[in-house]
Structures are given as C-alpha cells and as structure tokens.
C-alpha atoms as a PDB file:
ATOM      1  CA  UNK A   1      96.483 127.068 117.238  1.00  0.00           C
ATOM      2  CA  UNK A   2      98.109 123.816 115.173  1.00  0.00           C
ATOM      3  CA  UNK A   3     101.851 124.646 115.983  1.00  0.00           C
ATOM      4  CA  UNK A   4     102.656 121.144 114.266  1.00  0.00           C
ATOM      5  CA  UNK A   5     100.013 121.113 111.493  1.00  0.00           C
ATOM      6  CA  UNK A   6     101.026 123.931 109.693  1.00  0.00           C
ATOM      7  CA  UNK A   7     104.596 123.024 109.436  1.00  0.00           C
ATOM      8  CA  UNK A   8     104.128 119.832 108.382  1.00  0.00           C
ATOM      9  CA  UNK A   9     101.840 121.498 105.609  1.00  0.00           C
ATOM     10  CA  UNK A  10     104.912 123.822 103.885  1.00  0.00           C
ATOM     11  CA  UNK A  11     107.069 120.900 104.179  1.00  0.00           C
ATOM     12  CA  UNK A  12     104.447 118.673 102.220  1.00  0.00           C
ATOM     13  CA  UNK A  13     104.037 121.583  99.581  1.00  0.00           C
ATOM     14  CA  UNK A  14     107.596 121.971  99.280  1.00  0.00           C
ATOM     15  CA  UNK A  15     107.994 117.780  98.580  1.00  0.00           C
ATOM     16  CA  UNK A  16     104.859 118.169  95.995  1.00  0.00           C
ATOM     17  CA  UNK A  17     106.561 121.035  94.059  1.00  0.00           C
ATOM     18  CA  UNK A  18     109.904 119.034  94.028  1.00  0.00           C
ATOM     19  CA  UNK A  19     107.677 115.840  92.618  1.00  0.00           C
ATOM     20  CA  UNK A  20     106.497 118.455  90.097  1.00  0.00           C
ATOM     21  CA  UNK A  21     102.921 117.123  91.154  1.00  0.00           C
ATOM     22  CA  UNK A  22     100.099 118.696  89.029  1.00  0.00           C
ATOM     23  CA  UNK A  23      97.147 118.896  91.498  1.00  0.00           C
ATOM     24  CA  UNK A  24      93.201 119.626  89.902  1.00  0.00           C
ATOM     25  CA  UNK A  25      90.533 119.722  92.648  1.00  0.00           C
ATOM     26  CA  UNK A  26      87.071 120.250  91.951  1.00  0.00           C
ATOM     27  CA  UNK A  27      84.076 120.381  94.247  1.00  0.00           C
ATOM     28  CA  UNK A  28      85.822 122.018  97.026  1.00  0.00           C
ATOM     29  CA  UNK A  29      82.837 124.451  97.330  1.00  0.00           C
ATOM     30  CA  UNK A  30      81.270 121.307  99.105  1.00  0.00           C
ATOM     31  CA  UNK A  31      83.386 121.700 102.156  1.00  0.00           C
ATOM     32  CA  UNK A  32      81.647 123.470 104.479  1.00  0.00           C
ATOM     33  CA  UNK A  33      83.939 126.497 106.204  1.00  0.00           C
ATOM     34  CA  UNK A  34      82.914 126.255 109.518  1.00  0.00           C
ATOM     35  CA  UNK A  35      81.245 123.000 111.205  1.00  0.00           C
ATOM     36  CA  UNK A  36      81.921 119.203 111.718  1.00  0.00           C
ATOM     37  CA  UNK A  37      82.133 116.599 108.690  1.00  0.00           C
ATOM     38  CA  UNK A  38      83.103 112.978 107.800  1.00  0.00           C
ATOM     39  CA  UNK A  39      85.586 113.283 104.927  1.00  0.00           C
ATOM     40  CA  UNK A  40      84.956 109.718 103.135  1.00  0.00           C
ATOM     41  CA  UNK A  41      88.169 108.993 101.042  1.00  0.00           C
ATOM     42  CA  UNK A  42      88.841 106.245  98.848  1.00  0.00           C
ATOM     43  CA  UNK A  43      92.238 104.078  99.368  1.00  0.00           C
ATOM     44  CA  UNK A  44      94.599 104.117  96.546  1.00  0.00           C
ATOM     45  CA  UNK A  45      98.230 105.066  97.434  1.00  0.00           C
ATOM     46  CA  UNK A  46     100.266 106.141 100.714  1.00  0.00           C
ATOM     47  CA  UNK A  47      99.657 109.472 100.066  1.00  0.00           C
ATOM     48  CA  UNK A  48      95.983 109.821  99.705  1.00  0.00           C
ATOM     49  CA  UNK A  49      95.499 111.470 102.894  1.00  0.00           C
ATOM     50  CA  UNK A  50      98.055 114.212 102.225  1.00  0.00           C
ATOM     51  CA  UNK A  51      96.648 115.206  98.514  1.00  0.00           C
ATOM     52  CA  UNK A  52      92.998 115.283 100.219  1.00  0.00           C
ATOM     53  CA  UNK A  53      94.101 117.643 103.038  1.00  0.00           C
ATOM     54  CA  UNK A  54      96.263 119.960 100.385  1.00  0.00           C
ATOM     55  CA  UNK A  55      92.852 120.363  98.454  1.00  0.00           C
ATOM     56  CA  UNK A  56      90.710 121.283 101.751  1.00  0.00           C
ATOM     57  CA  UNK A  57      93.706 124.286 102.442  1.00  0.00           C
ATOM     58  CA  UNK A  58      91.944 126.921 100.131  1.00  0.00           C
ATOM     59  CA  UNK A  59      88.413 126.092 102.712  1.00  0.00           C
ATOM     60  CA  UNK A  60      90.840 126.979 105.301  1.00  0.00           C
ATOM     61  CA  UNK A  61      89.976 123.572 106.990  1.00  0.00           C
ATOM     62  CA  UNK A  62      92.428 120.657 108.313  1.00  0.00           C
ATOM     63  CA  UNK A  63      91.488 117.142 108.549  1.00  0.00           C
ATOM     64  CA  UNK A  64      91.882 114.621 111.318  1.00  0.00           C
ATOM     65  CA  UNK A  65      92.473 111.746 109.848  1.00  0.00           C
ATOM     66  CA  UNK A  66      91.768 108.258 111.409  1.00  0.00           C
ATOM     67  CA  UNK A  67      94.911 105.912 111.135  1.00  0.00           C
ATOM     68  CA  UNK A  68      96.276 103.003 112.326  1.00  0.00           C
ATOM     69  CA  UNK A  69      97.936 102.810 115.741  1.00  0.00           C
ATOM     70  CA  UNK A  70     101.572 101.637 114.429  1.00  0.00           C
ATOM     71  CA  UNK A  71     101.872 104.930 112.825  1.00  0.00           C
ATOM     72  CA  UNK A  72     101.718 106.501 115.955  1.00  0.00           C
ATOM     73  CA  UNK A  73     104.181 103.977 117.619  1.00  0.00           C
ATOM     74  CA  UNK A  74     106.822 105.104 114.891  1.00  0.00           C
ATOM     75  CA  UNK A  75     109.666 107.182 116.716  1.00  0.00           C
ATOM     76  CA  UNK A  76     109.640 110.036 113.646  1.00  0.00           C
ATOM     77  CA  UNK A  77     105.859 109.714 112.290  1.00  0.00           C
ATOM     78  CA  UNK A  78     104.325 109.059 115.937  1.00  0.00           C
ATOM     79  CA  UNK A  79     105.096 112.593 117.214  1.00  0.00           C
ATOM     80  CA  UNK A  80     103.857 114.373 114.183  1.00  0.00           C
ATOM     81  CA  UNK A  81     100.826 112.334 113.951  1.00  0.00           C
ATOM     82  CA  UNK A  82     100.146 113.011 117.605  1.00  0.00           C
ATOM     83  CA  UNK A  83     100.968 116.642 117.089  1.00  0.00           C
ATOM     84  CA  UNK A  84      98.515 116.945 113.928  1.00  0.00           C
ATOM     85  CA  UNK A  85      95.970 115.667 116.240  1.00  0.00           C
ATOM     86  CA  UNK A  86      95.072 112.496 114.171  1.00  0.00           C
ATOM     87  CA  UNK A  87      92.903 110.004 115.841  1.00  0.00           C
ATOM     88  CA  UNK A  88      94.876 106.903 116.215  1.00  0.00           C
ATOM     89  CA  UNK A  89      92.832 103.234 115.694  1.00  0.00           C
ATOM     90  CA  UNK A  90      93.715 100.041 117.304  1.00  0.00           C
ATOM     91  CA  UNK A  91      91.704  97.690 115.027  1.00  0.00           C
ATOM     92  CA  UNK A  92      91.607  95.137 117.641  1.00  0.00           C
ATOM     93  CA  UNK A  93      89.502  97.696 119.855  1.00  0.00           C
ATOM     94  CA  UNK A  94      88.447 100.668 117.802  1.00  0.00           C
ATOM     95  CA  UNK A  95      85.636 102.171 120.396  1.00  0.00           C
ATOM     96  CA  UNK A  96      87.839 104.487 121.945  1.00  0.00           C
ATOM     97  CA  UNK A  97      89.124 105.896 118.481  1.00  0.00           C
ATOM     98  CA  UNK A  98      85.275 105.949 117.460  1.00  0.00           C
ATOM     99  CA  UNK A  99      84.315 108.025 120.434  1.00  0.00           C
ATOM    100  CA  UNK A 100      87.491 110.064 120.000  1.00  0.00           C
ATOM    101  CA  UNK A 101      86.298 110.944 116.133  1.00  0.00           C
ATOM    102  CA  UNK A 102      82.688 111.544 117.091  1.00  0.00           C
ATOM    103  CA  UNK A 103      84.000 114.652 120.103  1.00  0.00           C
ATOM    104  CA  UNK A 104      86.116 115.845 117.168  1.00  0.00           C
ATOM    105  CA  UNK A 105      83.079 115.945 114.793  1.00  0.00           C
ATOM    106  CA  UNK A 106      80.917 117.421 117.377  1.00  0.00           C
ATOM    107  CA  UNK A 107      83.571 120.152 118.580  1.00  0.00           C
ATOM    108  CA  UNK A 108      83.495 121.462 114.600  1.00  0.00           C
ATOM    109  CA  UNK A 109      86.403 119.449 113.070  1.00  0.00           C
ATOM    110  CA  UNK A 110      86.219 117.695 110.103  1.00  0.00           C
ATOM    111  CA  UNK A 111      87.422 113.695 110.712  1.00  0.00           C
ATOM    112  CA  UNK A 112      89.077 112.090 107.498  1.00  0.00           C
ATOM    113  CA  UNK A 113      88.401 108.584 107.299  1.00  0.00           C
ATOM    114  CA  UNK A 114      88.922 105.401 104.785  1.00  0.00           C
ATOM    115  CA  UNK A 115      85.409 103.438 104.224  1.00  0.00           C
ATOM    116  CA  UNK A 116      87.388 100.822 102.416  1.00  0.00           C
ATOM    117  CA  UNK A 117      89.945 100.183 105.658  1.00  0.00           C
ATOM    118  CA  UNK A 118      92.735  99.203 103.365  1.00  0.00           C
ATOM    119  CA  UNK A 119      94.523 100.148  99.855  1.00  0.00           C
ATOM    120  CA  UNK A 120      92.432  98.902  97.292  1.00  0.00           C
ATOM    121  CA  UNK A 121      94.937  96.973  94.915  1.00  0.00           C
ATOM    122  CA  UNK A 122      92.448  97.188  91.877  1.00  0.00           C
ATOM    123  CA  UNK A 123      92.109 100.862  92.199  1.00  0.00           C
ATOM    124  CA  UNK A 124      88.593 100.468  92.220  1.00  0.00           C
ATOM    125  CA  UNK A 125      86.001 100.686  95.296  1.00  0.00           C
ATOM    126  CA  UNK A 126      86.201  97.885  97.787  1.00  0.00           C
ATOM    127  CA  UNK A 127      83.504  97.128 100.464  1.00  0.00           C
ATOM    128  CA  UNK A 128      82.776 100.107 102.778  1.00  0.00           C
ATOM    129  CA  UNK A 129      82.725  99.517 106.508  1.00  0.00           C
ATOM    130  CA  UNK A 130      79.869 101.470 108.137  1.00  0.00           C
ATOM    131  CA  UNK A 131      82.137 103.538 110.525  1.00  0.00           C
ATOM    132  CA  UNK A 132      81.715 106.836 108.426  1.00  0.00           C
ATOM    133  CA  UNK A 133      78.078 106.548 108.102  1.00  0.00           C
ATOM    134  CA  UNK A 134      77.605 105.711 111.918  1.00  0.00           C
ATOM    135  CA  UNK A 135      79.865 108.592 113.101  1.00  0.00           C
ATOM    136  CA  UNK A 136      78.178 111.037 111.111  1.00  0.00           C
ATOM    137  CA  UNK A 137      75.011 110.086 112.326  1.00  0.00           C
ATOM    138  CA  UNK A 138      75.799 110.384 115.814  1.00  0.00           C
ATOM    139  CA  UNK A 139      77.707 113.081 115.513  1.00  0.00           C
ATOM    140  CA  UNK A 140      75.276 114.955 113.168  1.00  0.00           C
ATOM    141  CA  UNK A 141      77.312 116.026 110.806  1.00  0.00           C
ATOM    142  CA  UNK A 142      77.341 115.131 106.918  1.00  0.00           C
ATOM    143  CA  UNK A 143      79.590 112.746 104.963  1.00  0.00           C
ATOM    144  CA  UNK A 144      81.541 114.359 102.188  1.00  0.00           C
ATOM    145  CA  UNK A 145      82.514 112.236  99.439  1.00  0.00           C
ATOM    146  CA  UNK A 146      86.052 112.539  98.573  1.00  0.00           C
ATOM    147  CA  UNK A 147      87.897 111.177  95.501  1.00  0.00           C
ATOM    148  CA  UNK A 148      91.818 110.911  95.002  1.00  0.00           C
ATOM    149  CA  UNK A 149      92.989 109.576  91.648  1.00  0.00           C
ATOM    150  CA  UNK A 150      96.788 109.671  90.490  1.00  0.00           C
ATOM    151  CA  UNK A 151      98.225 108.665  94.333  1.00  0.00           C
ATOM    152  CA  UNK A 152      98.682 105.039  93.456  1.00  0.00           C
ATOM    153  CA  UNK A 153     101.490 106.165  90.552  1.00  0.00           C
ATOM    154  CA  UNK A 154     103.351 108.097  93.360  1.00  0.00           C
ATOM    155  CA  UNK A 155     103.403 105.012  95.683  1.00  0.00           C
ATOM    156  CA  UNK A 156     101.280 101.904  96.366  1.00  0.00           C
ATOM    157  CA  UNK A 157     101.124  98.687  97.906  1.00  0.00           C
ATOM    158  CA  UNK A 158     103.568  96.122  96.182  1.00  0.00           C
ATOM    159  CA  UNK A 159     104.846  98.998  93.605  1.00  0.00           C
ATOM    160  CA  UNK A 160     108.398 100.825  94.030  1.00  0.00           C
ATOM    161  CA  UNK A 161     107.559 104.296  94.879  1.00  0.00           C
ATOM    162  CA  UNK A 162     108.225 107.284  92.693  1.00  0.00           C
ATOM    163  CA  UNK A 163     108.950 109.875  94.793  1.00  0.00           C
ATOM    164  CA  UNK A 164     111.221 112.072  92.501  1.00  0.00           C
ATOM    165  CA  UNK A 165     110.345 114.267  89.742  1.00  0.00           C
ATOM    166  CA  UNK A 166     107.497 112.725  87.592  1.00  0.00           C
ATOM    167  CA  UNK A 167     104.526 115.502  87.257  1.00  0.00           C
ATOM    168  CA  UNK A 168     102.298 112.975  87.928  1.00  0.00           C
ATOM    169  CA  UNK A 169      98.655 114.647  87.786  1.00  0.00           C
ATOM    170  CA  UNK A 170      96.957 114.321  90.848  1.00  0.00           C
ATOM    171  CA  UNK A 171      92.861 114.541  90.689  1.00  0.00           C
ATOM    172  CA  UNK A 172      91.043 115.329  93.866  1.00  0.00           C
ATOM    173  CA  UNK A 173      87.582 115.245  93.155  1.00  0.00           C
ATOM    174  CA  UNK A 174      84.651 116.248  96.118  1.00  0.00           C
ATOM    175  CA  UNK A 175      81.080 115.400  95.680  1.00  0.00           C
ATOM    176  CA  UNK A 176      77.924 116.688  97.487  1.00  0.00           C
ATOM    177  CA  UNK A 177      78.019 116.763 101.246  1.00  0.00           C
ATOM    178  CA  UNK A 178      75.118 113.863 102.462  1.00  0.00           C
ATOM    179  CA  UNK A 179      73.462 113.902 105.492  1.00  0.00           C
ATOM    180  CA  UNK A 180      72.319 110.917 107.725  1.00  0.00           C
ATOM    181  CA  UNK A 181      69.261 111.093 109.482  1.00  0.00           C
ATOM    182  CA  UNK A 182      68.799 110.023 113.235  1.00  0.00           C
ATOM    183  CA  UNK A 183      66.453 107.233 112.287  1.00  0.00           C
ATOM    184  CA  UNK A 184      68.382 106.332 108.703  1.00  0.00           C
ATOM    185  CA  UNK A 185      69.718 102.455 108.778  1.00  0.00           C
ATOM    186  CA  UNK A 186      73.017 103.046 108.583  1.00  0.00           C
ATOM    187  CA  UNK A 187      73.768 100.178 106.271  1.00  0.00           C
ATOM    188  CA  UNK A 188      71.544 102.124 103.813  1.00  0.00           C
ATOM    189  CA  UNK A 189      73.564 105.375 104.401  1.00  0.00           C
ATOM    190  CA  UNK A 190      76.555 103.518 103.740  1.00  0.00           C
ATOM    191  CA  UNK A 191      75.429 102.260 100.564  1.00  0.00           C
ATOM    192  CA  UNK A 192      74.485 105.944  99.625  1.00  0.00           C
ATOM    193  CA  UNK A 193      77.910 106.936 100.328  1.00  0.00           C
ATOM    194  CA  UNK A 194      79.346 104.245  98.219  1.00  0.00           C
ATOM    195  CA  UNK A 195      77.102 105.174  95.481  1.00  0.00           C
ATOM    196  CA  UNK A 196      77.935 108.579  95.704  1.00  0.00           C
ATOM    197  CA  UNK A 197      81.840 108.004  95.421  1.00  0.00           C
ATOM    198  CA  UNK A 198      81.292 105.491  92.859  1.00  0.00           C
ATOM    199  CA  UNK A 199      79.781 108.190  90.617  1.00  0.00           C
ATOM    200  CA  UNK A 200      82.500 110.806  91.695  1.00  0.00           C
ATOM    201  CA  UNK A 201      85.202 108.356  90.730  1.00  0.00           C
ATOM    202  CA  UNK A 202      83.599 107.264  87.485  1.00  0.00           C
ATOM    203  CA  UNK A 203      83.453 111.373  86.502  1.00  0.00           C
ATOM    204  CA  UNK A 204      87.349 111.902  87.735  1.00  0.00           C
ATOM    205  CA  UNK A 205      88.010 108.843  85.626  1.00  0.00           C
ATOM    206  CA  UNK A 206      86.728 110.218  82.581  1.00  0.00           C
ATOM    207  CA  UNK A 207      88.668 113.722  82.831  1.00  0.00           C
ATOM    208  CA  UNK A 208      91.871 112.446  83.782  1.00  0.00           C
ATOM    209  CA  UNK A 209      94.774 112.367  81.150  1.00  0.00           C
ATOM    210  CA  UNK A 210      95.737 109.056  79.331  1.00  0.00           C
ATOM    211  CA  UNK A 211      98.083 106.847  81.599  1.00  0.00           C
ATOM    212  CA  UNK A 212     101.433 106.020  79.806  1.00  0.00           C
ATOM    213  CA  UNK A 213     101.519 102.220  78.827  1.00  0.00           C
ATOM    214  CA  UNK A 214     104.651 101.598  81.283  1.00  0.00           C
ATOM    215  CA  UNK A 215     102.211 102.947  84.272  1.00  0.00           C
ATOM    216  CA  UNK A 216      98.741 100.781  82.677  1.00  0.00           C
ATOM    217  CA  UNK A 217      99.606  98.423  86.113  1.00  0.00           C
ATOM    218  CA  UNK A 218      97.947 101.586  87.905  1.00  0.00           C
ATOM    219  CA  UNK A 219      94.999 101.248  86.006  1.00  0.00           C
ATOM    220  CA  UNK A 220      91.623  99.108  86.465  1.00  0.00           C
ATOM    221  CA  UNK A 221      91.129  96.475  84.754  1.00  0.00           C
ATOM    222  CA  UNK A 222      88.103  97.509  83.271  1.00  0.00           C
ATOM    223  CA  UNK A 223      89.441 100.624  81.931  1.00  0.00           C
ATOM    224  CA  UNK A 224      91.739  98.376  79.880  1.00  0.00           C
ATOM    225  CA  UNK A 225      94.689  98.431  82.483  1.00  0.00           C
ATOM    226  CA  UNK A 226      96.442  95.540  83.894  1.00  0.00           C
ATOM    227  CA  UNK A 227      95.902  96.229  87.773  1.00  0.00           C
ATOM    228  CA  UNK A 228      94.001  93.403  89.462  1.00  0.00           C
ATOM    229  CA  UNK A 229      89.981  92.898  89.078  1.00  0.00           C
ATOM    230  CA  UNK A 230      88.167  93.634  92.279  1.00  0.00           C
ATOM    231  CA  UNK A 231      88.007  89.837  92.852  1.00  0.00           C
ATOM    232  CA  UNK A 232      91.837  88.958  92.302  1.00  0.00           C
ATOM    233  CA  UNK A 233      92.616  91.972  94.666  1.00  0.00           C
ATOM    234  CA  UNK A 234      90.420  90.695  97.062  1.00  0.00           C
ATOM    235  CA  UNK A 235      92.385  87.068  96.983  1.00  0.00           C
ATOM    236  CA  UNK A 236      95.363  88.468  97.495  1.00  0.00           C
ATOM    237  CA  UNK A 237      93.978  90.812 100.540  1.00  0.00           C
ATOM    238  CA  UNK A 238      92.860  87.393 102.161  1.00  0.00           C
ATOM    239  CA  UNK A 239      96.440  85.979 101.735  1.00  0.00           C
ATOM    240  CA  UNK A 240      98.252  88.980 103.345  1.00  0.00           C
ATOM    241  CA  UNK A 241      95.458  88.766 105.922  1.00  0.00           C
ATOM    242  CA  UNK A 242      96.696  84.963 106.390  1.00  0.00           C
ATOM    243  CA  UNK A 243     100.210  85.589 106.148  1.00  0.00           C
ATOM    244  CA  UNK A 244      99.688  88.280 109.065  1.00  0.00           C
ATOM    245  CA  UNK A 245      97.758  85.953 111.073  1.00  0.00           C
ATOM    246  CA  UNK A 246     100.628  83.229 110.832  1.00  0.00           C
ATOM    247  CA  UNK A 247     103.303  85.595 111.656  1.00  0.00           C
ATOM    248  CA  UNK A 248     101.260  86.534 115.200  1.00  0.00           C
ATOM    249  CA  UNK A 249     101.002  82.902 115.825  1.00  0.00           C
ATOM    250  CA  UNK A 250     104.849  82.337 115.516  1.00  0.00           C
ATOM    251  CA  UNK A 251     105.544  85.323 117.813  1.00  0.00           C
ATOM    252  CA  UNK A 252     103.213  83.740 120.319  1.00  0.00           C
ATOM    253  CA  UNK A 253     104.213  80.677 119.681  1.00  0.00           C
ATOM    254  CA  UNK A 254     107.993  81.908 120.497  1.00  0.00           C
ATOM    255  CA  UNK A 255     106.807  83.884 123.471  1.00  0.00           C
ATOM    256  CA  UNK A 256     105.078  80.914 125.124  1.00  0.00           C
ATOM    257  CA  UNK A 257     107.993  78.841 124.617  1.00  0.00           C
ATOM    258  CA  UNK A 258     106.030  76.058 122.223  1.00  0.00           C
END
C-alpha cells in the first residue's frame, strides 16, 4: 500500500484545482493496467512528472520516477520522494539507479524517465539518452511515449513561476507502446522512441489552444514563438554546464586550501 503516494496525489489535485489547470488526456488506453513499462516523458517544465502521473490515475497506475539525487537530499521533498518509491539518480555513478529501475520494472512497476535528461529550453525534443530503451530491453517491458505540453507555461527553467490561478491548458498525450527486442540495437530503439514522441508532440501542438501573445516565449520558434531554437538552447545548456563545473572547481580549491 502506498501510504505516502496517495496523500500527495490528493494534495496535488487540490493545487491543480486552485490553479484552475485544464487537463486534456489522450491515449491513456495505451497504459497497461498491470505489468511493468518505461514511461518516456518529454521535459519542458518542473511539473511534467506530476501532470504525467495525474494522467495515469484513471488506469490505476502509479509512476516511479527516476530523479536527480539532490531532490532526495532536500529536507522537505526528500522524505516524500523516498516514500513514493521514486528512484534516486546520481549522475556521476548511475549504475545503482539503473539496477533499481530494472528491478522495479520486472516487479511490474511503471518507471518514468526523461530521455532528454534535462529541461529543454527550446521546448522541442533534445537528443535522447539510451537509458529508456536499455532498461526496457533488459526488463522485457515496453516503452510508452508520453508528451506533456503546457507545463512550461506554469514553471520552467529561467522563467518566473505562475503557480496561482491561471487556467493553463495542460495536454498529456500518450502514444502506443513500443517493444524492444532482445537483439535490437539500443541506439536504433532510442531513435524509434524519439520518432514516436516527435509524432505525438506534433499532433499535440496541432490540437493545443492558441497561446496568448504575452506567453509566446513558451512557444517553439518554428511554431512562431520566441523560445530559443534548439541550437541556441544547446548553447545555453553548455554555458550552464561550464558554470557548474567552475563552481565545483572553486569549491574543491577552497576545501583543499588553494
């Protein structure tokens, strides 16, 4: 029994109602009622995971998300993350998290992953890591493409949060499951996953309501918005990584007395 997960769900539903979020879910029938699966979710905002999880509730399924280790060390969020049986990922040594995820999949859980690894500033799909396909292959479970759209309008990287009443439309679109054969190249399987998610994303774009002029910063450039292009977003990401590396080096130098 998930004694922590269900109270958190109740709290989040109250928050969603207070914000006036308007959910549209398509393709939920593709989520199996029982058995393991890798739910591959695009990453545009800080609440993608909550919106994806909310979409699976009618199927009576809970998601065990793979999330960065620092969240689990947070004094408030950490106990909840552990209580909900999410999986802590140490990016410097991810083998333990990988094994835990495969074990969860084999035991019949749905494990949520972000193939892009980080939030996309362009709100288009970044390059995918191969972990989703590798886990699905090893555990013998399908990959399920999942697109969340509208999350970036609530709260995303380098933009102020809009956590009050906004009536923001949140679309969650779920594609058909993809199996990964034992002898399939994981790179090829990853490419299939990205192609499927791209098709679902473009279909979602076509159905999503017109975004107000004041919020065009949350719309991809090739759709007429003012978000960074994929190339510009990647340059910003590399700058961020360089700043983090410099900060770590400075801390290390300070500890060593240099």
